[in-house]
N, C-alpha and C. Protein backbone atom coordinates (compact mmCIF):
# COMPACT_ATOMS: atom_id res chain seq x y z
N MET A 1 0.88 -18.43 -14.19
CA MET A 1 0.65 -18.58 -12.68
C MET A 1 0.12 -16.94 -12.31
N ALA A 2 -0.58 -16.90 -11.22
CA ALA A 2 -0.90 -15.78 -10.48
C ALA A 2 0.11 -15.87 -9.70
N THR A 3 0.44 -14.27 -9.43
CA THR A 3 1.67 -13.29 -8.54
C THR A 3 0.91 -13.97 -7.41
N VAL A 4 1.84 -13.63 -5.76
CA VAL A 4 1.51 -13.98 -4.84
C VAL A 4 0.43 -12.20 -4.84
N PHE A 5 -0.01 -11.02 -5.15
CA PHE A 5 -0.50 -10.26 -4.94
C PHE A 5 -2.03 -10.27 -5.49
N THR A 6 -1.63 -11.38 -7.07
CA THR A 6 -2.95 -11.52 -7.19
C THR A 6 -3.89 -12.59 -6.66
N ARG A 7 -3.34 -13.42 -5.92
CA ARG A 7 -4.04 -14.50 -4.99
C ARG A 7 -4.23 -13.40 -3.55
N ILE A 8 -4.13 -12.54 -2.97
CA ILE A 8 -4.10 -11.98 -1.80
C ILE A 8 -5.20 -10.50 -2.64
N ILE A 9 -5.31 -10.09 -3.56
CA ILE A 9 -6.37 -9.66 -4.51
C ILE A 9 -7.45 -10.66 -4.29
N ASN A 10 -7.29 -11.58 -4.76
CA ASN A 10 -8.92 -12.90 -4.72
C ASN A 10 -9.09 -12.85 -3.73
N GLY A 11 -8.54 -13.24 -2.52
CA GLY A 11 -8.86 -13.67 -1.42
C GLY A 11 -8.49 -14.89 -1.23
N ASP A 12 -7.06 -15.70 -2.05
CA ASP A 12 -6.65 -17.00 -1.69
C ASP A 12 -5.58 -16.92 -0.40
N LEU A 13 -5.07 -15.53 -0.58
CA LEU A 13 -4.06 -15.32 0.84
C LEU A 13 -4.85 -14.17 1.21
N PRO A 14 -3.87 -14.19 3.01
CA PRO A 14 -4.62 -13.38 3.63
C PRO A 14 -4.26 -11.97 3.68
N GLY A 15 -4.85 -10.42 3.40
CA GLY A 15 -4.20 -8.91 3.34
C GLY A 15 -4.97 -8.30 3.97
N ARG A 16 -4.75 -7.22 4.92
CA ARG A 16 -4.94 -6.45 5.34
C ARG A 16 -5.40 -5.15 4.26
N PHE A 17 -6.59 -5.04 3.85
CA PHE A 17 -6.48 -4.66 2.97
C PHE A 17 -6.97 -2.53 3.36
N VAL A 18 -6.61 -1.65 3.25
CA VAL A 18 -7.10 -0.09 3.10
C VAL A 18 -7.81 0.44 2.03
N TYR A 19 -7.81 0.02 1.17
CA TYR A 19 -8.14 0.33 -0.14
C TYR A 19 -8.79 -0.71 -1.01
N ARG A 20 -10.08 -0.28 -1.61
CA ARG A 20 -10.37 -1.21 -2.82
C ARG A 20 -11.06 -0.28 -3.97
N ASP A 21 -10.60 -0.34 -4.88
CA ASP A 21 -11.28 -0.21 -6.10
C ASP A 21 -11.51 -1.18 -7.48
N ASP A 22 -12.31 -0.80 -8.43
CA ASP A 22 -12.36 -1.89 -9.03
C ASP A 22 -10.94 -2.32 -10.29
N THR A 23 -9.68 -1.26 -10.07
CA THR A 23 -8.93 -1.37 -10.70
C THR A 23 -7.51 -1.29 -9.87
N VAL A 24 -7.53 -0.66 -8.69
CA VAL A 24 -6.39 -0.69 -7.76
C VAL A 24 -6.86 -1.05 -6.25
N VAL A 25 -5.58 -1.25 -5.47
CA VAL A 25 -6.15 -1.63 -3.99
C VAL A 25 -4.52 -1.60 -3.17
N ALA A 26 -4.89 -1.33 -2.16
CA ALA A 26 -4.11 -1.11 -1.26
C ALA A 26 -4.10 -2.06 0.14
N PHE A 27 -2.95 -2.24 0.37
CA PHE A 27 -2.80 -3.54 1.88
C PHE A 27 -1.63 -3.26 2.14
N LEU A 28 -1.22 -3.71 3.59
CA LEU A 28 -0.38 -3.91 4.32
C LEU A 28 0.51 -4.59 4.02
N SER A 29 1.79 -4.05 3.76
CA SER A 29 3.00 -4.90 3.64
C SER A 29 3.35 -6.33 5.08
N ALA A 30 3.40 -7.37 3.98
CA ALA A 30 3.71 -8.73 5.02
C ALA A 30 5.54 -8.43 5.57
N GLY A 31 6.07 -7.56 4.79
CA GLY A 31 7.07 -6.96 5.71
C GLY A 31 7.17 -5.81 6.17
N PRO A 32 7.01 -5.29 6.40
CA PRO A 32 6.91 -4.18 6.55
C PRO A 32 8.07 -2.86 6.66
N VAL A 33 8.62 -1.98 6.80
CA VAL A 33 10.04 -1.11 6.30
C VAL A 33 9.24 -0.07 7.71
N ALA A 34 8.37 0.13 7.91
CA ALA A 34 7.80 1.01 9.55
C ALA A 34 6.30 0.62 9.52
N TRP A 35 5.88 1.17 10.59
CA TRP A 35 4.32 0.75 10.84
C TRP A 35 3.49 1.58 9.80
N GLY A 36 2.67 0.20 9.49
CA GLY A 36 2.01 0.66 8.46
C GLY A 36 2.22 0.71 7.07
N HIS A 37 3.28 0.57 6.44
CA HIS A 37 4.14 0.03 5.27
C HIS A 37 2.47 -0.45 4.74
N THR A 38 2.20 0.36 3.44
CA THR A 38 1.39 0.02 2.60
C THR A 38 1.61 -0.49 0.93
N LEU A 39 1.35 -1.30 -0.05
CA LEU A 39 1.34 -1.41 -0.51
C LEU A 39 0.38 -0.97 -1.66
N VAL A 40 0.27 -0.52 -2.99
CA VAL A 40 -0.42 -0.02 -3.76
C VAL A 40 -0.20 -0.57 -4.53
N VAL A 41 -1.55 -1.60 -5.83
CA VAL A 41 -1.02 -2.56 -6.65
C VAL A 41 -2.33 -2.56 -7.81
N PRO A 42 -2.18 -2.62 -8.76
CA PRO A 42 -3.19 -2.37 -9.64
C PRO A 42 -4.10 -4.13 -9.17
N VAL A 43 -5.05 -3.97 -9.87
CA VAL A 43 -5.75 -5.66 -9.64
C VAL A 43 -5.28 -6.05 -11.36
N GLN A 44 -5.07 -5.56 -12.47
CA GLN A 44 -4.28 -6.18 -13.49
C GLN A 44 -2.76 -6.36 -13.18
N GLU A 45 -2.45 -8.39 -13.06
CA GLU A 45 -0.85 -8.15 -13.25
C GLU A 45 -0.26 -7.37 -14.62
N VAL A 46 0.20 -6.03 -13.62
CA VAL A 46 1.46 -5.61 -14.48
C VAL A 46 2.98 -5.43 -14.53
N ASP A 47 3.47 -5.89 -14.94
CA ASP A 47 5.07 -6.59 -14.23
C ASP A 47 5.27 -5.53 -13.78
N GLN A 48 6.20 -3.96 -14.84
CA GLN A 48 6.70 -3.00 -14.23
C GLN A 48 5.99 -1.39 -14.20
N TRP A 49 6.15 -0.65 -13.82
CA TRP A 49 5.69 0.72 -13.63
C TRP A 49 5.89 0.98 -15.32
N ILE A 50 6.67 0.65 -16.05
CA ILE A 50 6.87 1.46 -17.59
C ILE A 50 6.06 0.78 -18.53
N ASP A 51 5.57 -0.50 -17.80
CA ASP A 51 4.42 -1.05 -18.19
C ASP A 51 3.02 -1.04 -18.77
N ALA A 52 2.70 0.32 -17.38
CA ALA A 52 1.54 -0.01 -16.91
C ALA A 52 0.62 1.19 -17.93
N ASP A 53 -0.61 1.27 -18.15
CA ASP A 53 -1.74 1.86 -19.29
C ASP A 53 -1.05 3.50 -18.59
N PRO A 54 -1.27 4.68 -19.36
CA PRO A 54 -1.44 5.93 -18.59
C PRO A 54 -2.74 5.74 -17.99
N VAL A 55 -3.64 5.34 -18.32
CA VAL A 55 -4.45 6.05 -17.19
C VAL A 55 -4.56 5.00 -15.82
N LEU A 56 -4.07 3.99 -15.44
CA LEU A 56 -4.13 2.83 -14.65
C LEU A 56 -2.33 3.30 -13.63
N TRP A 57 -1.49 3.59 -14.60
CA TRP A 57 -0.51 4.66 -14.26
C TRP A 57 -0.93 5.96 -12.74
N ALA A 58 -1.58 6.91 -13.42
CA ALA A 58 -2.26 7.59 -12.79
C ALA A 58 -3.05 7.41 -11.74
N HIS A 59 -3.96 6.41 -12.03
CA HIS A 59 -5.07 5.87 -11.08
C HIS A 59 -4.30 5.37 -9.72
N LEU A 60 -3.25 4.73 -9.94
CA LEU A 60 -1.81 4.18 -9.46
C LEU A 60 -1.08 5.27 -7.83
N ASN A 61 -1.40 6.27 -8.73
CA ASN A 61 -0.30 7.64 -8.21
C ASN A 61 -1.70 8.07 -7.18
N GLU A 62 -2.91 8.48 -8.39
CA GLU A 62 -3.64 9.46 -6.87
C GLU A 62 -3.96 8.93 -5.87
N VAL A 63 -4.27 6.62 -5.80
CA VAL A 63 -4.31 6.15 -4.45
C VAL A 63 -2.92 5.81 -3.68
N SER A 64 -1.86 6.41 -4.14
CA SER A 64 -0.86 6.74 -3.78
C SER A 64 -0.89 7.77 -2.58
N ARG A 65 -0.88 8.87 -3.28
CA ARG A 65 -1.11 9.84 -2.83
C ARG A 65 -2.59 9.95 -1.66
N LEU A 66 -3.34 9.27 -1.69
CA LEU A 66 -4.34 9.58 -0.94
C LEU A 66 -4.10 8.24 0.30
N VAL A 67 -3.15 7.44 0.35
CA VAL A 67 -2.40 6.79 1.29
C VAL A 67 -1.48 7.62 1.64
N GLY A 68 -0.85 8.11 0.78
CA GLY A 68 0.62 8.64 1.77
C GLY A 68 -0.17 9.97 2.90
N ARG A 69 -1.17 10.47 2.67
CA ARG A 69 -2.05 11.28 3.27
C ARG A 69 -2.46 11.09 4.56
N ALA A 70 -3.00 9.89 4.25
CA ALA A 70 -3.63 9.05 5.40
C ALA A 70 -2.07 8.73 5.89
N MET A 71 -1.16 8.03 5.22
CA MET A 71 -0.11 7.56 6.44
C MET A 71 0.66 8.68 7.47
N VAL A 72 0.62 9.85 6.73
CA VAL A 72 0.83 11.47 7.41
C VAL A 72 0.48 10.88 8.87
N THR A 73 -0.57 11.16 8.63
CA THR A 73 -2.14 11.73 9.73
C THR A 73 -1.62 10.72 10.84
N VAL A 74 -1.76 9.52 10.58
CA VAL A 74 -1.59 8.28 11.28
C VAL A 74 -0.70 8.21 11.93
N THR A 75 1.03 8.60 11.22
CA THR A 75 2.05 7.95 12.08
C THR A 75 2.90 9.20 12.27
N GLY A 76 2.48 10.58 11.60
CA GLY A 76 3.28 11.18 12.27
C GLY A 76 4.31 11.60 11.52
N ALA A 77 4.41 11.28 10.61
CA ALA A 77 5.66 10.96 9.69
C ALA A 77 6.01 12.12 9.28
N ALA A 78 7.62 12.87 9.12
CA ALA A 78 7.38 13.95 8.45
C ALA A 78 7.11 14.49 6.85
N ARG A 79 7.42 12.73 6.84
CA ARG A 79 6.72 12.55 4.87
C ARG A 79 6.46 11.82 4.57
N ALA A 80 5.79 10.95 3.40
CA ALA A 80 5.07 9.81 3.02
C ALA A 80 5.99 9.86 1.95
N GLY A 81 6.50 8.10 2.57
CA GLY A 81 8.10 8.17 1.26
C GLY A 81 7.31 7.13 0.58
N LEU A 82 7.65 6.79 -0.90
CA LEU A 82 7.10 6.72 -1.77
C LEU A 82 8.22 5.50 -2.83
N LEU A 83 8.23 4.59 -3.10
CA LEU A 83 8.81 3.87 -3.48
C LEU A 83 8.22 2.46 -4.28
N ILE A 84 9.26 2.35 -5.87
CA ILE A 84 8.80 1.12 -6.51
C ILE A 84 9.64 0.70 -7.03
N ALA A 85 10.34 -0.63 -6.56
CA ALA A 85 11.25 -1.83 -6.56
C ALA A 85 10.70 -2.21 -7.24
N GLY A 86 10.00 -3.60 -7.41
CA GLY A 86 9.29 -4.37 -8.13
C GLY A 86 9.97 -6.12 -8.34
N PHE A 87 11.04 -5.95 -7.95
CA PHE A 87 12.31 -7.08 -7.72
C PHE A 87 11.39 -8.01 -6.80
N GLU A 88 11.34 -7.99 -6.01
CA GLU A 88 10.43 -8.85 -4.93
C GLU A 88 9.14 -9.47 -5.08
N VAL A 89 8.34 -9.06 -5.94
CA VAL A 89 7.36 -9.85 -6.73
C VAL A 89 6.99 -8.73 -7.89
N SER A 90 6.72 -10.09 -9.52
CA SER A 90 6.93 -9.04 -10.46
C SER A 90 5.30 -8.99 -10.91
N HIS A 91 4.56 -8.44 -9.84
CA HIS A 91 3.27 -7.62 -10.29
C HIS A 91 3.23 -6.16 -9.78
N LEU A 92 3.36 -5.10 -10.29
CA LEU A 92 3.75 -3.96 -10.19
C LEU A 92 3.15 -3.37 -8.65
N HIS A 93 4.19 -2.39 -8.03
CA HIS A 93 3.42 -1.80 -6.50
C HIS A 93 4.21 -1.01 -6.15
N ILE A 94 3.45 -0.37 -5.65
CA ILE A 94 4.56 0.53 -5.14
C ILE A 94 4.06 1.03 -3.62
N HIS A 95 5.56 1.12 -2.86
CA HIS A 95 5.63 0.95 -1.47
C HIS A 95 5.13 2.84 -1.16
N VAL A 96 4.09 2.52 0.51
CA VAL A 96 4.21 3.96 0.42
C VAL A 96 3.94 4.15 2.11
N PHE A 97 5.34 4.64 2.99
CA PHE A 97 5.79 4.11 4.20
C PHE A 97 5.75 5.51 4.34
N GLY A 98 5.50 5.85 6.23
CA GLY A 98 6.13 7.05 6.69
C GLY A 98 7.49 7.53 7.00
N ALA A 99 8.16 8.43 6.82
CA ALA A 99 9.71 8.48 6.92
C ALA A 99 10.01 9.82 7.38
N ASP A 100 11.05 9.90 8.37
CA ASP A 100 10.86 11.41 9.05
C ASP A 100 12.88 11.43 8.22
N ASP A 101 13.08 10.97 7.51
CA ASP A 101 14.44 11.16 7.33
C ASP A 101 14.72 10.28 5.63
N MET A 102 15.52 10.18 5.51
CA MET A 102 16.36 9.20 4.55
C MET A 102 16.94 7.74 4.68
N ARG A 103 16.85 7.72 6.10
CA ARG A 103 16.77 6.44 6.93
C ARG A 103 15.66 5.84 6.31
N GLY A 104 14.16 5.94 6.24
CA GLY A 104 13.36 5.51 6.43
C GLY A 104 13.22 5.06 5.18
N TYR A 105 14.05 5.27 4.62
CA TYR A 105 13.80 4.21 2.50
C TYR A 105 15.32 3.02 2.57
N ASP A 106 15.12 2.33 3.63
CA ASP A 106 15.81 1.27 3.85
C ASP A 106 14.54 0.23 3.80
N LEU A 107 14.84 -0.75 2.95
CA LEU A 107 13.72 -1.97 2.52
C LEU A 107 14.18 -3.02 3.80
N ARG A 108 14.54 -3.13 4.49
CA ARG A 108 15.12 -3.85 5.39
C ARG A 108 13.58 -4.24 6.30
N ALA A 109 12.84 -5.68 6.54
CA ALA A 109 12.04 -5.78 7.01
C ALA A 109 11.85 -4.84 8.55
N ILE A 110 11.27 -4.85 9.21
CA ILE A 110 11.39 -4.78 10.68
C ILE A 110 10.28 -5.35 11.26
N ASP A 111 10.60 -6.19 12.78
CA ASP A 111 9.48 -6.78 13.27
C ASP A 111 8.51 -6.06 13.64
N VAL A 112 6.67 -6.05 13.40
CA VAL A 112 5.57 -5.78 13.56
C VAL A 112 5.04 -7.05 14.18
N SER A 113 3.83 -6.81 15.62
CA SER A 113 3.07 -7.33 15.75
C SER A 113 1.93 -8.08 14.77
N GLU A 114 1.42 -8.74 14.92
CA GLU A 114 -0.53 -9.22 14.38
C GLU A 114 -1.08 -8.13 14.94
N ALA A 115 -0.77 -8.13 15.88
CA ALA A 115 -1.91 -7.00 16.69
C ALA A 115 -1.39 -5.39 16.22
N GLU A 116 -0.30 -4.81 16.14
CA GLU A 116 0.09 -4.25 15.38
C GLU A 116 -0.48 -3.87 14.12
N MET A 117 0.28 -4.84 13.31
CA MET A 117 -0.47 -4.94 11.58
C MET A 117 -1.74 -4.15 11.65
N ASP A 118 -2.88 -5.07 12.57
CA ASP A 118 -4.21 -4.77 12.71
C ASP A 118 -4.53 -3.40 13.23
N ARG A 119 -3.42 -3.23 14.17
CA ARG A 119 -4.30 -1.58 14.24
C ARG A 119 -3.58 -0.56 13.58
N ALA A 120 -2.68 -0.70 12.31
CA ALA A 120 -2.13 0.09 11.71
C ALA A 120 -3.02 0.06 10.16
N ALA A 121 -3.35 -0.98 10.06
CA ALA A 121 -4.72 -1.04 8.96
C ALA A 121 -6.21 -0.15 9.22
N ALA A 122 -6.39 -0.41 10.82
CA ALA A 122 -8.02 0.07 11.39
C ALA A 122 -7.46 1.81 11.24
N ALA A 123 -5.89 2.06 11.69
CA ALA A 123 -5.77 3.98 11.54
C ALA A 123 -5.51 3.86 10.38
N LEU A 124 -4.94 3.82 9.34
CA LEU A 124 -5.03 4.20 7.82
C LEU A 124 -6.61 3.79 7.20
N ARG A 125 -7.70 3.10 7.57
CA ARG A 125 -8.58 2.78 7.25
C ARG A 125 -9.66 4.16 7.52
N ALA A 126 -9.86 4.20 9.03
CA ALA A 126 -10.28 5.38 9.58
C ALA A 126 -9.46 6.76 8.83
N ALA A 127 -8.54 6.90 9.00
CA ALA A 127 -7.73 8.22 7.61
C ALA A 127 -8.08 8.21 6.49
N LEU A 128 -8.25 7.31 5.38
CA LEU A 128 -8.71 7.32 4.55
C LEU A 128 -10.37 7.64 4.66
N ARG A 129 -11.32 7.01 5.24
CA ARG A 129 -12.70 7.14 5.02
C ARG A 129 -12.32 8.82 5.60
N ASP A 130 -11.76 9.26 6.33
CA ASP A 130 -11.71 11.39 6.84
C ASP A 130 -11.48 11.79 5.46
N LEU A 131 -10.63 11.14 4.75
CA LEU A 131 -10.14 11.94 3.70
C LEU A 131 -11.28 11.74 2.12
N GLY A 132 -12.36 11.10 2.59
CA GLY A 132 -13.22 11.10 1.92
C GLY A 132 -12.95 9.67 0.65
N ALA A 133 -12.70 8.74 1.17
CA ALA A 133 -12.70 7.80 0.40
C ALA A 133 -13.48 6.48 0.54
N GLY A 134 -14.20 6.99 1.59
CA GLY A 134 -15.24 5.90 2.23
C GLY A 134 -15.73 4.51 1.75
N GLU A 135 -16.28 5.15 0.07
CA GLU A 135 -16.57 4.00 -0.42
C GLU A 135 -15.49 3.00 -1.01
N HIS A 136 -14.70 3.50 -1.18
CA HIS A 136 -13.51 2.43 -1.56
C HIS A 136 -12.80 1.32 0.02
N VAL A 137 -12.50 1.78 1.29
CA VAL A 137 -12.41 1.36 2.17
C VAL A 137 -13.19 0.22 2.56
N PRO A 138 -12.48 -1.14 2.78
CA PRO A 138 -12.75 -1.97 3.10
C PRO A 138 -13.89 -1.97 4.62
N ALA A 139 -14.65 -2.31 5.02
CA ALA A 139 -15.31 -2.40 6.61
C ALA A 139 -14.02 -3.66 7.31
C-alpha cells in the first residue's frame, strides 16, 4: 500500500509543493512546527535514510540545503533546522524549518491557518526561484 507521501506526490492527496524534480519533492508539512516547515521526500518509497542509495541521499541533502537557504530568506530565522525522524510516516523525509535556537527543534505542531500555509508556500517558491531552482519550482 502506498504511503501517505506517495499519495501526496501522485496527487491523490493535496500538497503544497515548493520543489519537484524526477527523484525528489518538497512540500509543506501538514503538521508544521514552524511557519514554512517543509518536508523533503524522495519520490521512491524508501523507509529509512540509512536505506537510501548514496546518489539519492546526496540529492536529498542538496535539495534540503536549497530549501534551507530559502527558509532562512523567507523566515528571517537565525538557522535552517534540519531533522530526520521518520516515525510518523515510513517514507524517508527530511524536515526543514526556520529556527532561532534549540526550542525550534520541538516537533509539536503549531496552529497555522490555510491562508498562512499558502503564503508560506508562495514565499518559499519565490525564494527558490531567486536561488536558481526555477525549473523545479511548481507554478
